[in-house]
């Protein structure tokens, strides 16, 4: 059987049978069997230039013309695709409203005081499709299948975990597919036009983790095995939905009056009651699943010490230091901003954090740390300088065994001159993880002392209790065997 050809507009799907189409393209949809579209108009102002008016992008004359031209094109092509019996899948991203230049100008004043007024009109990204419903921006994660939405059940089982809604649908749809948790808002639906054999399937957007699904080579960025598997699953799901919709068109839709209790069959009501009970159980299990996923994510946050940078790394350093028994805070005023201020009975510290993708932490952050210590000392309530600590996560995306020196030679030399302690965040992870698994006040105190006692070099945390004993036991056994041999 001939493989279905999918045209995907502004949404990249891995796979040989899927063709990516730019939103600015004049591509005909007659070339595709199934259409996928994400109505994203950001390229019309991101790349062609725009200003802002009343808080919205106000497109330039050129950008306005391009957007209006593309809107006419896609409205015409989508209508033709529906008339030809094709299925058009639309990912319901956030509604974006812009102002477009109408081309009309009015003038006032004369000479140097002459002013030109540009006239604009409203447009939004969903005008690309000219749908019989409207959209309201609202976001959330709690989504459930609508009653009798079996047609997308296989799709939903695969992609529920990466689906969050950004808008809800207002207006009459042919068949609701996905609802908000309370059942009051329609988040996904099928739309049919009278006299046209095709369908529009509206779905909340997918949060695709492209970073984990691609790999970089000399020639550019390519989909990896995980990405190709995702593309294969998504295209197969779209093909299955399209096939079922085409099959359903051959049967006469059930008139609404047939659903009256007057015509119900003996087992029908019983089965519907059983179905409701099953759906309730599924919803409870789904809620439990999502709760566990949140807890798992929360429990795993300490691992950010191994790979993160920026604010996420700073936040996790705070968590780890608190596990070690420090109290932590941030300091911000009009003149100063410190990543982390932490203290314990051993002393008071000011820290700076830096993560590097593919190199060691350099002297720049150390200069910032020195400045912060001086600024901190100038405050009236501070009577003595805090001890400086530079937290570094060098080569953060590389496995730990393959990482080189965490701090440059210049950074180490400057730290030695200033008495700054250097902490490799993966080392901090090891001791924080051990204390999280098995709290030990004596070991926590030893870790704090190690930070306080280190000046001008990398902090060497004490061995985790129990692990040192295992090493000694193994060593003794080896010597005994050697002697007996």
Protein backbone atom coordinates (compact mmCIF):
# COMPACT_ATOMS: atom_id res chain seq x y z
CA UNK A 1 0.00 0.00 0.00
CA UNK A 2 1.28 3.46 -0.87
CA UNK A 3 2.70 5.34 2.14
CA UNK A 4 0.77 8.47 3.10
CA UNK A 5 2.64 11.72 2.41
CA UNK A 6 2.34 14.30 5.19
CA UNK A 7 2.86 18.03 4.73
CA UNK A 8 3.72 19.69 8.04
CA UNK A 9 3.50 23.49 8.13
CA UNK A 10 5.67 25.25 10.76
CA UNK A 11 5.97 22.01 12.79
CA UNK A 12 8.94 19.72 12.16
CA UNK A 13 8.22 15.97 12.22
CA UNK A 14 11.14 13.55 11.72
CA UNK A 15 10.70 11.01 8.93
CA UNK A 16 11.09 10.44 5.21
CA UNK A 17 7.36 10.62 4.49
CA UNK A 18 6.93 14.03 6.12
CA UNK A 19 7.76 17.28 4.36
CA UNK A 20 8.40 20.41 6.45
CA UNK A 21 6.82 23.56 5.00
CA UNK A 22 7.62 27.12 6.09
CA UNK A 23 4.65 29.24 7.18
CA UNK A 24 5.84 31.85 4.65
CA UNK A 25 5.83 29.29 1.82
CA UNK A 26 3.35 29.22 -1.07
CA UNK A 27 3.33 25.41 -1.05
CA UNK A 28 0.19 23.76 -2.42
CA UNK A 29 -1.51 21.33 -0.04
CA UNK A 30 -2.59 19.26 -3.04
CA UNK A 31 0.80 17.52 -2.76
CA UNK A 32 -0.03 15.99 0.65
CA UNK A 33 -2.40 13.23 1.78
CA UNK A 34 -2.51 14.52 5.38
CA UNK A 35 -1.84 18.06 6.56
CA UNK A 36 -0.34 19.11 9.91
CA UNK A 37 -0.16 22.77 10.87
CA UNK A 38 1.04 24.89 13.78
CA UNK A 39 -0.27 28.44 13.14
CA UNK A 40 2.87 30.28 14.28
CA UNK A 41 3.24 33.78 12.79
CA UNK A 42 6.26 34.88 14.87
CA UNK A 43 8.54 34.76 11.82
CA UNK A 44 6.58 37.60 10.22
CA UNK A 45 7.77 40.04 12.88
CA UNK A 46 10.87 38.32 14.28
CA UNK A 47 12.68 38.43 10.96
CA UNK A 48 10.95 41.07 8.88
CA UNK A 49 10.86 43.77 11.55
CA UNK A 50 8.13 45.22 13.75
CA UNK A 51 7.41 47.80 16.40
CA UNK A 52 5.00 47.64 19.33
CA UNK A 53 1.66 49.40 19.72
CA UNK A 54 -0.65 48.98 22.74
CA UNK A 55 1.52 46.09 23.91
CA UNK A 56 1.26 44.11 20.67
CA UNK A 57 3.64 43.75 17.73
CA UNK A 58 2.81 46.29 15.04
CA UNK A 59 4.18 44.88 11.81
CA UNK A 60 6.05 46.91 9.25
CA UNK A 61 4.48 47.59 5.87
CA UNK A 62 6.49 44.76 4.29
CA UNK A 63 5.72 42.28 7.09
CA UNK A 64 2.03 43.22 7.04
CA UNK A 65 1.80 42.57 3.30
CA UNK A 66 3.56 39.19 3.71
CA UNK A 67 1.28 38.09 6.55
CA UNK A 68 -1.90 39.11 4.71
CA UNK A 69 -0.69 37.35 1.57
CA UNK A 70 0.14 34.16 3.53
CA UNK A 71 -3.23 34.30 5.32
CA UNK A 72 -5.10 34.38 2.01
CA UNK A 73 -2.92 31.55 0.69
CA UNK A 74 -3.43 29.19 3.65
CA UNK A 75 -7.14 29.91 3.96
CA UNK A 76 -7.53 28.98 0.29
CA UNK A 77 -5.31 25.88 0.55
CA UNK A 78 -6.91 24.54 3.76
CA UNK A 79 -10.41 25.00 2.30
CA UNK A 80 -9.33 23.14 -0.85
CA UNK A 81 -7.81 20.32 1.24
CA UNK A 82 -11.05 19.89 3.22
CA UNK A 83 -13.09 19.94 0.01
CA UNK A 84 -10.80 17.19 -1.35
CA UNK A 85 -11.54 14.96 1.66
CA UNK A 86 -8.21 15.41 3.47
CA UNK A 87 -7.63 15.57 7.21
CA UNK A 88 -5.96 18.71 8.54
CA UNK A 89 -4.41 18.43 12.02
CA UNK A 90 -3.92 21.76 13.81
CA UNK A 91 -1.83 22.18 16.98
CA UNK A 92 -3.54 24.85 19.09
CA UNK A 93 -0.66 27.07 20.16
CA UNK A 94 -1.23 30.35 21.99
CA UNK A 95 -3.28 32.91 20.11
CA UNK A 96 -1.04 35.79 19.03
CA UNK A 97 -2.64 39.12 18.15
CA UNK A 98 -0.79 41.70 16.06
CA UNK A 99 -1.48 44.95 14.29
CA UNK A 100 -0.94 45.04 10.52
CA UNK A 101 -0.39 48.06 8.33
CA UNK A 102 -3.48 48.80 6.20
CA UNK A 103 -1.48 51.01 3.86
CA UNK A 104 -3.72 53.97 4.65
CA UNK A 105 -2.10 57.22 5.85
CA UNK A 106 -3.48 60.50 7.11
CA UNK A 107 -1.48 63.71 7.42
CA UNK A 108 -1.74 66.74 9.66
CA UNK A 109 0.24 69.97 9.98
CA UNK A 110 2.59 71.53 7.47
CA UNK A 111 6.33 71.90 6.98
CA UNK A 112 8.41 70.65 9.89
CA UNK A 113 5.28 70.14 11.98
CA UNK A 114 3.72 67.77 9.48
CA UNK A 115 2.78 64.44 11.07
CA UNK A 116 1.95 61.15 9.40
CA UNK A 117 -0.48 58.72 11.03
CA UNK A 118 -0.28 55.07 9.99
CA UNK A 119 -3.59 53.19 10.12
CA UNK A 120 -3.49 49.59 11.40
CA UNK A 121 -5.96 46.75 11.85
CA UNK A 122 -6.14 43.62 14.04
CA UNK A 123 -4.96 40.20 12.96
CA UNK A 124 -4.15 36.96 14.77
CA UNK A 125 -2.51 33.67 13.91
CA UNK A 126 -5.78 31.71 13.70
CA UNK A 127 -6.94 33.81 10.76
CA UNK A 128 -4.54 31.63 8.74
CA UNK A 129 -7.22 28.92 8.93
CA UNK A 130 -10.57 30.77 8.94
CA UNK A 131 -12.15 28.32 11.39
CA UNK A 132 -15.82 28.45 12.53
CA UNK A 133 -14.74 28.61 16.19
CA UNK A 134 -12.76 31.08 18.29
CA UNK A 135 -9.92 30.61 20.77
CA UNK A 136 -9.15 32.02 24.21
CA UNK A 137 -5.66 31.92 25.68
CA UNK A 138 -5.61 29.71 28.79
CA UNK A 139 -2.93 27.24 29.80
CA UNK A 140 -2.79 24.08 31.88
CA UNK A 141 -1.79 20.42 32.03
CA UNK A 142 -4.89 18.60 33.31
CA UNK A 143 -6.57 17.18 30.20
CA UNK A 144 -8.97 14.26 29.84
CA UNK A 145 -10.53 12.41 26.94
CA UNK A 146 -14.04 13.50 26.05
CA UNK A 147 -16.82 10.87 26.02
CA UNK A 148 -16.86 8.87 22.76
CA UNK A 149 -13.44 10.17 21.76
CA UNK A 150 -12.05 6.68 21.11
CA UNK A 151 -10.73 7.84 17.76
CA UNK A 152 -7.75 9.57 19.41
CA UNK A 153 -7.30 7.16 22.34
CA UNK A 154 -4.18 5.50 20.80
CA UNK A 155 -2.70 8.95 20.03
CA UNK A 156 -3.49 10.11 23.56
CA UNK A 157 -1.86 7.08 25.19
CA UNK A 158 1.39 7.96 23.39
CA UNK A 159 1.51 11.73 23.75
CA UNK A 160 -0.52 12.62 26.84
CA UNK A 161 2.62 13.21 28.93
CA UNK A 162 4.01 15.84 26.55
CA UNK A 163 0.70 17.63 25.90
CA UNK A 164 -0.21 20.91 27.61
CA UNK A 165 -2.96 23.22 26.41
CA UNK A 166 -2.40 26.89 25.55
CA UNK A 167 -5.91 27.86 24.42
CA UNK A 168 -9.45 26.55 24.78
CA UNK A 169 -12.04 26.42 22.02
CA UNK A 170 -15.21 28.47 22.03
CA UNK A 171 -18.05 27.71 19.63
CA UNK A 172 -19.80 24.66 18.21
CA UNK A 173 -17.63 21.73 17.14
CA UNK A 174 -18.60 18.49 15.42
CA UNK A 175 -17.10 16.29 18.14
CA UNK A 176 -15.16 17.23 21.28
CA UNK A 177 -12.03 15.12 21.74
CA UNK A 178 -10.26 16.55 24.78
CA UNK A 179 -11.65 18.45 27.76
CA UNK A 180 -10.31 20.33 30.76
CA UNK A 181 -10.28 18.38 33.98
CA UNK A 182 -13.64 19.84 35.09
CA UNK A 183 -15.13 19.06 31.68
CA UNK A 184 -16.16 22.69 31.14
CA UNK A 185 -13.67 23.64 28.41
CA UNK A 186 -13.06 22.02 25.03
CA UNK A 187 -9.33 21.66 24.38
CA UNK A 188 -9.39 19.41 21.30
CA UNK A 189 -12.09 18.66 18.72
CA UNK A 190 -13.07 17.53 15.24
CA UNK A 191 -14.68 20.03 12.87
CA UNK A 192 -16.56 19.07 9.72
CA UNK A 193 -17.98 21.46 7.12
CA UNK A 194 -21.36 20.72 5.62
CA UNK A 195 -20.94 19.35 2.10
CA UNK A 196 -17.17 18.81 2.48
CA UNK A 197 -15.78 15.29 3.05
CA UNK A 198 -12.63 16.40 4.89
CA UNK A 199 -12.01 17.05 8.59
CA UNK A 200 -10.08 19.48 10.77
CA UNK A 201 -8.69 17.90 13.94
CA UNK A 202 -7.78 20.44 16.63
CA UNK A 203 -5.26 19.24 19.24
CA UNK A 204 -3.29 20.88 22.07
CA UNK A 205 0.39 21.33 21.13
CA UNK A 206 3.17 18.86 21.91
CA UNK A 207 6.19 19.85 24.02
CA UNK A 208 8.89 18.19 21.94
CA UNK A 209 12.29 17.83 23.62
CA UNK A 210 14.30 18.54 20.47
CA UNK A 211 17.59 18.68 22.41
CA UNK A 212 17.38 14.99 23.34
CA UNK A 213 16.09 14.03 19.86
CA UNK A 214 18.85 15.64 17.79
CA UNK A 215 22.60 15.37 17.43
CA UNK A 216 25.11 17.80 16.00
CA UNK A 217 27.53 16.81 13.26
CA UNK A 218 29.90 18.77 11.07
CA UNK A 219 27.23 19.03 8.37
CA UNK A 220 24.61 20.39 10.81
CA UNK A 221 21.98 19.20 13.29
CA UNK A 222 20.17 15.90 12.58
CA UNK A 223 17.41 13.83 14.17
CA UNK A 224 18.80 10.93 16.23
CA UNK A 225 17.25 7.50 16.82
CA UNK A 226 14.95 8.82 19.56
CA UNK A 227 13.78 11.63 17.28
CA UNK A 228 13.07 9.27 14.39
CA UNK A 229 11.10 6.99 16.72
CA UNK A 230 9.02 9.97 17.88
CA UNK A 231 8.36 10.97 14.26
CA UNK A 232 7.36 7.43 13.34
CA UNK A 233 4.90 7.20 16.26
CA UNK A 234 3.37 10.60 15.52
CA UNK A 235 2.90 9.99 11.79
CA UNK A 236 1.45 6.52 12.47
CA UNK A 237 -1.03 8.06 14.93
CA UNK A 238 -2.09 10.72 12.39
CA UNK A 239 -2.49 8.10 9.65
CA UNK A 240 -4.63 5.91 11.95
CA UNK A 241 -6.93 8.84 12.84
CA UNK A 242 -7.22 9.83 9.18
CA UNK A 243 -8.08 6.26 8.20
CA UNK A 244 -10.81 5.99 10.81
CA UNK A 245 -12.30 9.36 9.84
CA UNK A 246 -12.43 8.25 6.21
CA UNK A 247 -14.11 4.98 7.22
CA UNK A 248 -16.66 6.78 9.38
CA UNK A 249 -17.67 8.97 6.45
CA UNK A 250 -19.09 5.91 4.73
CA UNK A 251 -21.70 5.41 7.47
CA UNK A 252 -24.66 7.68 8.19
CA UNK A 253 -24.08 9.72 11.34
CA UNK A 254 -26.43 8.76 14.15
CA UNK A 255 -29.26 11.30 14.44
CA UNK A 256 -29.48 12.91 17.89
CA UNK A 257 -33.05 11.76 18.39
CA UNK A 258 -31.91 8.10 18.22
CA UNK A 259 -30.05 8.62 21.52
CA UNK A 260 -33.37 9.08 23.30
CA UNK A 261 -34.13 6.57 26.11
CA UNK A 262 -37.18 5.54 24.08
CA UNK A 263 -34.88 3.57 21.77
CA UNK A 264 -32.28 2.35 24.25
CA UNK A 265 -31.41 -1.36 24.32
CA UNK A 266 -31.44 -3.48 27.51
CA UNK A 267 -27.67 -3.67 28.06
CA UNK A 268 -26.86 -0.22 26.71
CA UNK A 269 -27.51 1.69 29.96
CA UNK A 270 -25.67 -0.93 32.05
CA UNK A 271 -22.62 -0.79 29.80
CA UNK A 272 -22.59 3.01 29.84
CA UNK A 273 -22.66 2.93 33.66
CA UNK A 274 -19.75 0.47 33.69
CA UNK A 275 -17.88 2.68 31.22
CA UNK A 276 -18.30 5.71 33.48
CA UNK A 277 -16.89 3.74 36.43
CA UNK A 278 -13.90 2.65 34.35
CA UNK A 279 -13.30 6.23 33.20
CA UNK A 280 -13.39 7.43 36.81
CA UNK A 281 -10.80 4.80 37.75
CA UNK A 282 -8.64 5.82 34.80
CA UNK A 283 -8.87 9.47 35.84
CA UNK A 284 -7.83 8.60 39.41
CA UNK A 285 -4.91 6.52 38.14
CA UNK A 286 -3.94 9.32 35.75
CA UNK A 287 -3.98 11.82 38.62
CA UNK A 288 -1.84 9.44 40.72
CA UNK A 289 0.55 8.99 37.82
CA UNK A 290 0.98 12.75 37.35
CA UNK A 291 1.45 13.23 41.10
CA UNK A 292 4.18 10.59 41.13
CA UNK A 293 5.84 12.17 38.10
CA UNK A 294 5.93 15.52 39.89
CA UNK A 295 7.41 13.89 43.00
CA UNK A 296 10.02 12.03 40.94
CA UNK A 297 11.01 15.26 39.21
CA UNK A 298 11.25 17.04 42.56
CA UNK A 299 13.36 14.26 44.09
CA UNK A 300 15.72 14.33 41.13
CA UNK A 301 16.37 18.08 41.22
CA UNK A 302 19.63 17.60 43.14
CA UNK A 303 21.07 16.03 39.98
CA UNK A 304 21.06 19.49 38.41
CA UNK A 305 24.40 19.98 40.18
CA UNK A 306 25.80 17.62 37.55
CA UNK A 307 24.65 19.40 34.40
CA UNK A 308 22.88 22.75 34.96
CA UNK A 309 23.97 26.38 34.75
CA UNK A 310 22.41 29.78 35.44
CA UNK A 311 19.52 30.22 37.87
CA UNK A 312 18.70 26.49 37.95
CA UNK A 313 22.23 25.71 39.12
CA UNK A 314 22.06 28.47 41.74
CA UNK A 315 18.73 27.16 43.08
CA UNK A 316 20.09 23.63 43.38
CA UNK A 317 23.25 24.86 45.16
CA UNK A 318 20.95 26.47 47.74
CA UNK A 319 19.14 23.13 48.22
CA UNK A 320 22.41 21.18 48.57
CA UNK A 321 23.90 23.63 51.08
CA UNK A 322 20.75 23.42 53.19
CA UNK A 323 21.14 19.62 53.23
CA UNK A 324 24.68 20.18 54.58
CA UNK A 325 23.22 22.29 57.40
CA UNK A 326 23.83 25.80 56.06
CA UNK A 327 21.16 28.48 56.06
CA UNK A 328 21.08 30.15 52.66
CA UNK A 329 19.70 33.32 51.13
CA UNK A 330 20.13 35.67 48.21
CA UNK A 331 21.06 39.30 48.58
CA UNK A 332 19.78 41.89 46.16
CA UNK A 333 19.56 45.66 46.38
CA UNK A 334 19.89 48.50 43.91
CA UNK A 335 23.68 48.14 43.75
CA UNK A 336 24.51 44.49 44.52
CA UNK A 337 23.35 40.99 43.71
CA UNK A 338 24.88 37.83 45.22
CA UNK A 339 24.09 34.32 43.92
CA UNK A 340 24.17 32.74 47.37
CA UNK A 341 24.86 33.92 50.90
CA UNK A 342 25.16 31.01 53.34
CA UNK A 343 26.24 30.55 56.92
CA UNK A 344 26.55 28.08 59.78
CA UNK A 345 28.34 27.91 63.11
CA UNK A 346 31.55 27.49 61.12
CA UNK A 347 31.28 30.90 59.47
CA UNK A 348 29.61 33.15 56.90
CA UNK A 349 30.12 32.71 53.16
CA UNK A 350 29.33 34.44 49.87
CA UNK A 351 29.22 32.27 46.77
CA UNK A 352 29.10 32.69 43.02
CA UNK A 353 28.03 29.90 40.66
CA UNK A 354 29.09 29.27 37.08
CA UNK A 355 28.30 26.46 34.63
CA UNK A 356 30.25 26.04 31.39
CA UNK A 357 29.13 23.95 28.41
CA UNK A 358 32.49 22.77 27.10
CA UNK A 359 35.28 24.49 29.01
CA UNK A 360 36.64 25.20 32.48
CA UNK A 361 35.42 28.01 34.74
CA UNK A 362 37.61 31.05 34.16
CA UNK A 363 38.70 34.05 36.21
CA UNK A 364 35.70 36.25 35.32
CA UNK A 365 33.43 34.88 38.05
CA UNK A 366 36.26 35.12 40.57
CA UNK A 367 36.54 38.86 39.90
CA UNK A 368 32.80 39.14 40.48
CA UNK A 369 33.10 37.19 43.72
CA UNK A 370 35.93 39.44 45.00
CA UNK A 371 33.80 42.49 44.22
CA UNK A 372 30.79 40.97 46.00
CA UNK A 373 32.83 40.30 49.14
CA UNK A 374 34.01 43.93 49.24
CA UNK A 375 30.49 45.25 48.59
CA UNK A 376 29.13 43.00 51.32
CA UNK A 377 31.73 44.26 53.81
CA UNK A 378 30.78 47.88 53.08
CA UNK A 379 27.29 47.25 54.50
CA UNK A 380 26.84 48.63 58.05
CA UNK A 381 25.56 45.39 59.55
CA UNK A 382 28.59 43.37 58.30
CA UNK A 383 31.65 43.56 60.60
CA UNK A 384 34.08 41.16 58.93
CA UNK A 385 34.58 39.85 55.40
CA UNK A 386 32.68 36.73 54.39
CA UNK A 387 34.58 33.76 53.05
CA UNK A 388 34.34 33.49 49.28
CA UNK A 389 33.31 30.27 47.54
CA UNK A 390 33.23 29.76 43.76
CA UNK A 391 30.96 26.90 42.65
CA UNK A 392 31.92 25.56 39.24
CA UNK A 393 30.21 23.10 36.88
CA UNK A 394 32.68 22.84 34.01
CA UNK A 395 32.04 20.78 30.85
CA UNK A 396 28.52 20.42 32.24
CA UNK A 397 27.05 18.33 29.40
CA UNK A 398 29.94 15.84 29.32
CA UNK A 399 29.88 12.61 31.43
CA UNK A 400 31.82 13.13 34.68
CA UNK A 401 34.49 10.55 33.81
CA UNK A 402 35.41 12.53 30.67
CA UNK A 403 35.61 15.99 32.25
CA UNK A 404 38.92 17.83 32.47
CA UNK A 405 40.00 20.40 35.09
CA UNK A 406 37.02 22.34 36.43
CA UNK A 407 38.89 25.65 36.90
CA UNK A 408 41.47 27.32 34.66
CA UNK A 409 45.04 27.75 35.88
CA UNK A 410 44.53 31.52 36.16
CA UNK A 411 41.37 30.99 38.20
CA UNK A 412 43.21 28.66 40.60
CA UNK A 413 46.12 31.10 40.96
CA UNK A 414 43.78 34.01 41.71
CA UNK A 415 41.76 31.89 44.15
CA UNK A 416 44.97 30.99 45.99
CA UNK A 417 45.90 34.68 46.28
CA UNK A 418 42.43 35.62 47.59
CA UNK A 419 41.88 32.57 49.79
CA UNK A 420 38.75 31.59 47.83
CA UNK A 421 37.43 28.04 48.17
CA UNK A 422 36.62 26.28 44.88
CA UNK A 423 33.78 23.76 44.86
CA UNK A 424 33.12 21.37 41.99
CA UNK A 425 29.33 21.02 41.96
CA UNK A 426 29.43 17.26 41.17
CA UNK A 427 31.47 16.84 44.41
CA UNK A 428 28.76 18.79 46.25
CA UNK A 429 26.18 16.45 44.70
CA UNK A 430 27.96 13.36 46.07
CA UNK A 431 27.94 14.52 49.71
CA UNK A 432 24.46 16.10 49.52
CA UNK A 433 23.06 12.91 48.01
CA UNK A 434 24.67 10.82 50.77
CA UNK A 435 23.17 13.07 53.47
CA UNK A 436 19.77 13.04 51.76
CA UNK A 437 19.82 9.23 51.72
CA UNK A 438 21.12 8.90 55.28
CA UNK A 439 21.21 12.04 57.47
CA UNK A 440 24.36 12.23 59.60
CA UNK A 441 25.01 15.39 61.67
CA UNK A 442 28.68 14.55 62.23
CA UNK A 443 29.32 14.01 58.51
CA UNK A 444 27.38 17.19 57.59
CA UNK A 445 29.52 19.17 60.04
CA UNK A 446 32.70 17.67 58.56
CA UNK A 447 31.53 18.78 55.08
CA UNK A 448 30.89 22.32 56.30
CA UNK A 449 34.31 22.43 57.98
CA UNK A 450 35.93 21.29 54.73
CA UNK A 451 34.45 24.29 52.91
CA UNK A 452 35.49 26.68 55.67
CA UNK A 453 39.02 25.27 55.97
CA UNK A 454 39.80 25.38 52.23
CA UNK A 455 41.53 28.51 50.97
CA UNK A 456 42.86 28.83 47.45
CA UNK A 457 42.15 25.31 46.23
CA UNK A 458 39.39 22.84 45.39
CA UNK A 459 37.42 21.65 48.43
CA UNK A 460 38.08 18.00 49.25
CA UNK A 461 34.98 16.71 51.02
CA UNK A 462 35.38 13.91 53.59
CA UNK A 463 34.69 10.31 52.57
CA UNK A 464 31.09 9.16 52.94
CA UNK A 465 30.67 7.12 56.15
CA UNK A 466 30.63 3.43 55.40
CA UNK A 467 32.31 3.64 52.01
CA UNK A 468 35.77 4.10 53.51
CA UNK A 469 35.26 1.02 55.71
CA UNK A 470 34.34 -1.10 52.67
CA UNK A 471 37.53 -0.01 50.88
CA UNK A 472 39.66 -0.89 53.95
CA UNK A 473 38.01 -4.32 54.27
CA UNK A 474 38.64 -5.09 50.60
CA UNK A 475 42.26 -3.94 50.90
CA UNK A 476 42.87 -6.13 53.98
CA UNK A 477 41.39 -9.17 52.28
CA UNK A 478 43.60 -8.63 49.26
CA UNK A 479 46.73 -8.46 51.44
CA UNK A 480 45.71 -11.65 53.29
CA UNK A 481 45.25 -13.45 50.01
CA UNK A 482 48.63 -12.24 48.80
CA UNK A 483 50.31 -13.45 51.99
CA UNK A 484 48.65 -16.83 51.90
CA UNK A 485 49.65 -17.15 48.25
